Structures are given as C-alpha cells and as structure tokens.
Amino acid sequence: MGTSELVIIAVVFLVLFGGSQLPKLAKNLGSAQRELKKAMEEGKDEPGASTPKES
C-alpha cells in the first residue's frame, strides 16, 4: 500500500468512527493482533498441531 492509500483509509476511519472513538478502536485492534500472534505461536509449539497426512 502506498502512502496516499493509507491516508485515504485513515480519513475514512475518522469520518466513520469520529475522533473520540479512534484511540479506543486502535487499542482494540492492537489487542486482537497480540492475541492472534500469541495463539499462532502456541499452535506451533504443540505436538501434533501440523496438518494431517493424506492417506
């Protein structure tokens, strides 16, 4: 994504959610991203978590 595309997306979020809601939205997105990364790392560590072989 280019810089202009990111600016357009930011403006759309600002219009849709308002300035007061953006910090809360960003915090929730960050938390969700951390939880997803944590779950993916835990899945790698578990034995048998790999895809089953075809028979």
PDB file of N, CA and C in Angstrom:
ATOM      1  N   MET A   1       0.832  -1.180   0.000  1.00  0.00           N
ATOM      2  CA  MET A   1       0.000   0.000   0.000  1.00  0.00           C
ATOM      3  C   MET A   1       0.874   1.240   0.000  1.00  0.00           C
ATOM      4  N   GLY A   2       0.445   2.197  -0.770  1.00  0.00           N
ATOM      5  CA  GLY A   2       1.167   3.453  -0.833  1.00  0.00           C
ATOM      6  C   GLY A   2       0.723   4.409   0.261  1.00  0.00           C
ATOM      7  N   THR A   3       1.447   5.491   0.383  1.00  0.00           N
ATOM      8  CA  THR A   3       1.138   6.492   1.399  1.00  0.00           C
ATOM      9  C   THR A   3      -0.229   7.117   1.164  1.00  0.00           C
ATOM     10  N   SER A   4      -0.550   7.392  -0.088  1.00  0.00           N
ATOM     11  CA  SER A   4      -1.841   8.023  -0.375  1.00  0.00           C
ATOM     12  C   SER A   4      -2.997   7.099  -0.010  1.00  0.00           C
ATOM     13  N   GLU A   5      -2.825   5.798  -0.208  1.00  0.00           N
ATOM     14  CA  GLU A   5      -3.883   4.856   0.158  1.00  0.00           C
ATOM     15  C   GLU A   5      -4.081   4.814   1.665  1.00  0.00           C
ATOM     16  N   LEU A   6      -2.984   4.847   2.419  1.00  0.00           N
ATOM     17  CA  LEU A   6      -3.083   4.848   3.875  1.00  0.00           C
ATOM     18  C   LEU A   6      -3.766   6.111   4.388  1.00  0.00           C
ATOM     19  N   VAL A   7      -3.485   7.240   3.770  1.00  0.00           N
ATOM     20  CA  VAL A   7      -4.126   8.499   4.164  1.00  0.00           C
ATOM     21  C   VAL A   7      -5.622   8.424   3.903  1.00  0.00           C
ATOM     22  N   ILE A   8      -6.011   7.890   2.765  1.00  0.00           N
ATOM     23  CA  ILE A   8      -7.440   7.761   2.438  1.00  0.00           C
ATOM     24  C   ILE A   8      -8.133   6.855   3.443  1.00  0.00           C
ATOM     25  N   ILE A   9      -7.501   5.737   3.793  1.00  0.00           N
ATOM     26  CA  ILE A   9      -8.084   4.821   4.776  1.00  0.00           C
ATOM     27  C   ILE A   9      -8.222   5.508   6.128  1.00  0.00           C
ATOM     28  N   ALA A  10      -7.214   6.276   6.533  1.00  0.00           N
ATOM     29  CA  ALA A  10      -7.273   6.993   7.804  1.00  0.00           C
ATOM     30  C   ALA A  10      -8.412   8.003   7.818  1.00  0.00           C
ATOM     31  N   VAL A  11      -8.613   8.713   6.726  1.00  0.00           N
ATOM     32  CA  VAL A  11      -9.701   9.691   6.637  1.00  0.00           C
ATOM     33  C   VAL A  11     -11.052   8.987   6.722  1.00  0.00           C
ATOM     34  N   VAL A  12     -11.188   7.861   6.051  1.00  0.00           N
ATOM     35  CA  VAL A  12     -12.453   7.108   6.100  1.00  0.00           C
ATOM     36  C   VAL A  12     -12.739   6.659   7.528  1.00  0.00           C
ATOM     37  N   PHE A  13     -11.729   6.133   8.231  1.00  0.00           N
ATOM     38  CA  PHE A  13     -11.923   5.729   9.622  1.00  0.00           C
ATOM     39  C   PHE A  13     -12.309   6.923  10.485  1.00  0.00           C
ATOM     40  N   LEU A  14     -11.692   8.053  10.257  1.00  0.00           N
ATOM     41  CA  LEU A  14     -12.001   9.252  11.031  1.00  0.00           C
ATOM     42  C   LEU A  14     -13.444   9.678  10.817  1.00  0.00           C
ATOM     43  N   VAL A  15     -13.912   9.616   9.579  1.00  0.00           N
ATOM     44  CA  VAL A  15     -15.291  10.003   9.272  1.00  0.00           C
ATOM     45  C   VAL A  15     -16.272   9.003   9.877  1.00  0.00           C
ATOM     46  N   LEU A  16     -15.967   7.707   9.748  1.00  0.00           N
ATOM     47  CA  LEU A  16     -16.899   6.681  10.227  1.00  0.00           C
ATOM     48  C   LEU A  16     -16.974   6.613  11.747  1.00  0.00           C
ATOM     49  N   PHE A  17     -15.836   6.680  12.415  1.00  0.00           N
ATOM     50  CA  PHE A  17     -15.813   6.435  13.853  1.00  0.00           C
ATOM     51  C   PHE A  17     -15.669   7.699  14.688  1.00  0.00           C
ATOM     52  N   GLY A  18     -15.314   8.801  14.102  1.00  0.00           N
ATOM     53  CA  GLY A  18     -15.148  10.034  14.862  1.00  0.00           C
ATOM     54  C   GLY A  18     -13.820  10.050  15.597  1.00  0.00           C
ATOM     55  N   GLY A  19     -13.356  11.222  15.902  1.00  0.00           N
ATOM     56  CA  GLY A  19     -12.060  11.376  16.550  1.00  0.00           C
ATOM     57  C   GLY A  19     -11.984  10.774  17.935  1.00  0.00           C
ATOM     58  N   SER A  20     -13.083  10.778  18.671  1.00  0.00           N
ATOM     59  CA  SER A  20     -13.046  10.275  20.040  1.00  0.00           C
ATOM     60  C   SER A  20     -13.002   8.753  20.097  1.00  0.00           C
ATOM     61  N   GLN A  21     -13.469   8.085  19.068  1.00  0.00           N
ATOM     62  CA  GLN A  21     -13.503   6.623  19.064  1.00  0.00           C
ATOM     63  C   GLN A  21     -12.225   5.996  18.513  1.00  0.00           C
ATOM     64  N   LEU A  22     -11.411   6.743  17.784  1.00  0.00           N
ATOM     65  CA  LEU A  22     -10.218   6.176  17.150  1.00  0.00           C
ATOM     66  C   LEU A  22      -9.208   5.593  18.139  1.00  0.00           C
ATOM     67  N   PRO A  23      -8.889   6.249  19.247  1.00  0.00           N
ATOM     68  CA  PRO A  23      -7.936   5.635  20.180  1.00  0.00           C
ATOM     69  C   PRO A  23      -8.441   4.302  20.742  1.00  0.00           C
ATOM     70  N   LYS A  24      -9.724   4.243  21.041  1.00  0.00           N
ATOM     71  CA  LYS A  24     -10.306   3.008  21.561  1.00  0.00           C
ATOM     72  C   LYS A  24     -10.256   1.905  20.501  1.00  0.00           C
ATOM     73  N   LEU A  25     -10.557   2.261  19.268  1.00  0.00           N
ATOM     74  CA  LEU A  25     -10.523   1.306  18.164  1.00  0.00           C
ATOM     75  C   LEU A  25      -9.101   0.802  17.938  1.00  0.00           C
ATOM     76  N   ALA A  26      -8.127   1.694  17.972  1.00  0.00           N
ATOM     77  CA  ALA A  26      -6.730   1.299  17.775  1.00  0.00           C
ATOM     78  C   ALA A  26      -6.256   0.371  18.892  1.00  0.00           C
ATOM     79  N   LYS A  27      -6.674   0.653  20.114  1.00  0.00           N
ATOM     80  CA  LYS A  27      -6.302  -0.199  21.247  1.00  0.00           C
ATOM     81  C   LYS A  27      -6.882  -1.597  21.076  1.00  0.00           C
ATOM     82  N   ASN A  28      -8.142  -1.682  20.668  1.00  0.00           N
ATOM     83  CA  ASN A  28      -8.773  -2.984  20.466  1.00  0.00           C
ATOM     84  C   ASN A  28      -8.117  -3.757  19.325  1.00  0.00           C
ATOM     85  N   LEU A  29      -7.761  -3.070  18.249  1.00  0.00           N
ATOM     86  CA  LEU A  29      -7.084  -3.734  17.136  1.00  0.00           C
ATOM     87  C   LEU A  29      -5.711  -4.250  17.560  1.00  0.00           C
ATOM     88  N   GLY A  30      -4.998  -3.483  18.346  1.00  0.00           N
ATOM     89  CA  GLY A  30      -3.693  -3.917  18.846  1.00  0.00           C
ATOM     90  C   GLY A  30      -3.808  -5.134  19.745  1.00  0.00           C
ATOM     91  N   SER A  31      -4.811  -5.141  20.611  1.00  0.00           N
ATOM     92  CA  SER A  31      -5.031  -6.290  21.489  1.00  0.00           C
ATOM     93  C   SER A  31      -5.366  -7.535  20.685  1.00  0.00           C
ATOM     94  N   ALA A  32      -6.211  -7.385  19.687  1.00  0.00           N
ATOM     95  CA  ALA A  32      -6.586  -8.523  18.849  1.00  0.00           C
ATOM     96  C   ALA A  32      -5.374  -9.063  18.099  1.00  0.00           C
ATOM     97  N   GLN A  33      -4.518  -8.176  17.617  1.00  0.00           N
ATOM     98  CA  GLN A  33      -3.322  -8.605  16.896  1.00  0.00           C
ATOM     99  C   GLN A  33      -2.383  -9.374  17.823  1.00  0.00           C
ATOM    100  N   ARG A  34      -2.191  -8.887  19.051  1.00  0.00           N
ATOM    101  CA  ARG A  34      -1.328  -9.585  20.007  1.00  0.00           C
ATOM    102  C   ARG A  34      -1.882 -10.963  20.337  1.00  0.00           C
ATOM    103  N   GLU A  35      -3.198 -11.068  20.536  1.00  0.00           N
ATOM    104  CA  GLU A  35      -3.807 -12.358  20.844  1.00  0.00           C
ATOM    105  C   GLU A  35      -3.654 -13.332  19.683  1.00  0.00           C
ATOM    106  N   LEU A  36      -3.799 -12.848  18.466  1.00  0.00           N
ATOM    107  CA  LEU A  36      -3.641 -13.699  17.292  1.00  0.00           C
ATOM    108  C   LEU A  36      -2.213 -14.217  17.187  1.00  0.00           C
ATOM    109  N   LYS A  37      -1.231 -13.345  17.375  1.00  0.00           N
ATOM    110  CA  LYS A  37       0.166 -13.772  17.325  1.00  0.00           C
ATOM    111  C   LYS A  37       0.458 -14.798  18.414  1.00  0.00           C
ATOM    112  N   LYS A  38      -0.073 -14.559  19.616  1.00  0.00           N
ATOM    113  CA  LYS A  38       0.142 -15.474  20.733  1.00  0.00           C
ATOM    114  C   LYS A  38      -0.456 -16.840  20.422  1.00  0.00           C
ATOM    115  N   ALA A  39      -1.659 -16.866  19.874  1.00  0.00           N
ATOM    116  CA  ALA A  39      -2.309 -18.132  19.536  1.00  0.00           C
ATOM    117  C   ALA A  39      -1.546 -18.866  18.439  1.00  0.00           C
ATOM    118  N   MET A  40      -1.023 -18.133  17.473  1.00  0.00           N
ATOM    119  CA  MET A  40      -0.258 -18.761  16.398  1.00  0.00           C
ATOM    120  C   MET A  40       1.033 -19.365  16.938  1.00  0.00           C
ATOM    121  N   GLU A  41       1.700 -18.674  17.853  1.00  0.00           N
ATOM    122  CA  GLU A  41       2.930 -19.203  18.450  1.00  0.00           C
ATOM    123  C   GLU A  41       2.632 -20.435  19.296  1.00  0.00           C
ATOM    124  N   GLU A  42       1.540 -20.419  20.048  1.00  0.00           N
ATOM    125  CA  GLU A  42       1.178 -21.573  20.861  1.00  0.00           C
ATOM    126  C   GLU A  42       0.848 -22.769  19.976  1.00  0.00           C
ATOM    127  N   GLY A  43       0.236 -22.523  18.840  1.00  0.00           N
ATOM    128  CA  GLY A  43      -0.099 -23.595  17.913  1.00  0.00           C
ATOM    129  C   GLY A  43       1.137 -24.238  17.315  1.00  0.00           C
ATOM    130  N   LYS A  44       2.203 -23.464  17.118  1.00  0.00           N
ATOM    131  CA  LYS A  44       3.448 -24.011  16.576  1.00  0.00           C
ATOM    132  C   LYS A  44       4.120 -24.931  17.582  1.00  0.00           C
ATOM    133  N   ASP A  45       4.008 -24.603  18.863  1.00  0.00           N
ATOM    134  CA  ASP A  45       4.706 -25.349  19.905  1.00  0.00           C
ATOM    135  C   ASP A  45       4.032 -26.673  20.242  1.00  0.00           C
ATOM    136  N   GLU A  46       2.747 -26.809  19.958  1.00  0.00           N
ATOM    137  CA  GLU A  46       2.023 -28.020  20.323  1.00  0.00           C
ATOM    138  C   GLU A  46       2.384 -29.173  19.393  1.00  0.00           C
ATOM    139  N   PRO A  47       2.691 -30.345  19.973  1.00  0.00           N
ATOM    140  CA  PRO A  47       2.940 -31.504  19.115  1.00  0.00           C
ATOM    141  C   PRO A  47       1.639 -31.966  18.467  1.00  0.00           C
ATOM    142  N   GLY A  48       1.721 -32.401  17.243  1.00  0.00           N
ATOM    143  CA  GLY A  48       0.525 -32.856  16.539  1.00  0.00           C
ATOM    144  C   GLY A  48      -0.294 -31.727  15.973  1.00  0.00           C
ATOM    145  N   ALA A  49       0.218 -30.520  16.025  1.00  0.00           N
ATOM    146  CA  ALA A  49      -0.532 -29.383  15.509  1.00  0.00           C
ATOM    147  C   ALA A  49      -0.360 -29.231  14.009  1.00  0.00           C
ATOM    148  N   SER A  50       0.539 -30.036  13.437  1.00  0.00           N
ATOM    149  CA  SER A  50       0.748 -29.936  11.997  1.00  0.00           C
ATOM    150  C   SER A  50      -0.427 -30.544  11.254  1.00  0.00           C
ATOM    151  N   THR A  51      -0.482 -30.279   9.981  1.00  0.00           N
ATOM    152  CA  THR A  51      -1.589 -30.791   9.181  1.00  0.00           C
ATOM    153  C   THR A  51      -1.471 -32.299   9.038  1.00  0.00           C
ATOM    154  N   PRO A  52      -2.585 -33.010   9.069  1.00  0.00           N
ATOM    155  CA  PRO A  52      -2.544 -34.472   8.948  1.00  0.00           C
ATOM    156  C   PRO A  52      -2.125 -34.890   7.542  1.00  0.00           C
ATOM    157  N   LYS A  53      -1.475 -36.044   7.464  1.00  0.00           N
ATOM    158  CA  LYS A  53      -1.039 -36.560   6.172  1.00  0.00           C
ATOM    159  C   LYS A  53      -2.218 -37.169   5.443  1.00  0.00           C
ATOM    160  N   GLU A  54      -2.205 -37.032   4.125  1.00  0.00           N
ATOM    161  CA  GLU A  54      -3.270 -37.624   3.320  1.00  0.00           C
ATOM    162  C   GLU A  54      -3.030 -39.113   3.191  1.00  0.00           C
ATOM    163  N   SER A  55      -4.119 -39.892   3.191  1.00  0.00           N
ATOM    164  CA  SER A  55      -3.962 -41.335   3.033  1.00  0.00           C
ATOM    165  C   SER A  55      -4.543 -41.820   1.742  1.00  0.00           C
TER     166      SER A  55
END
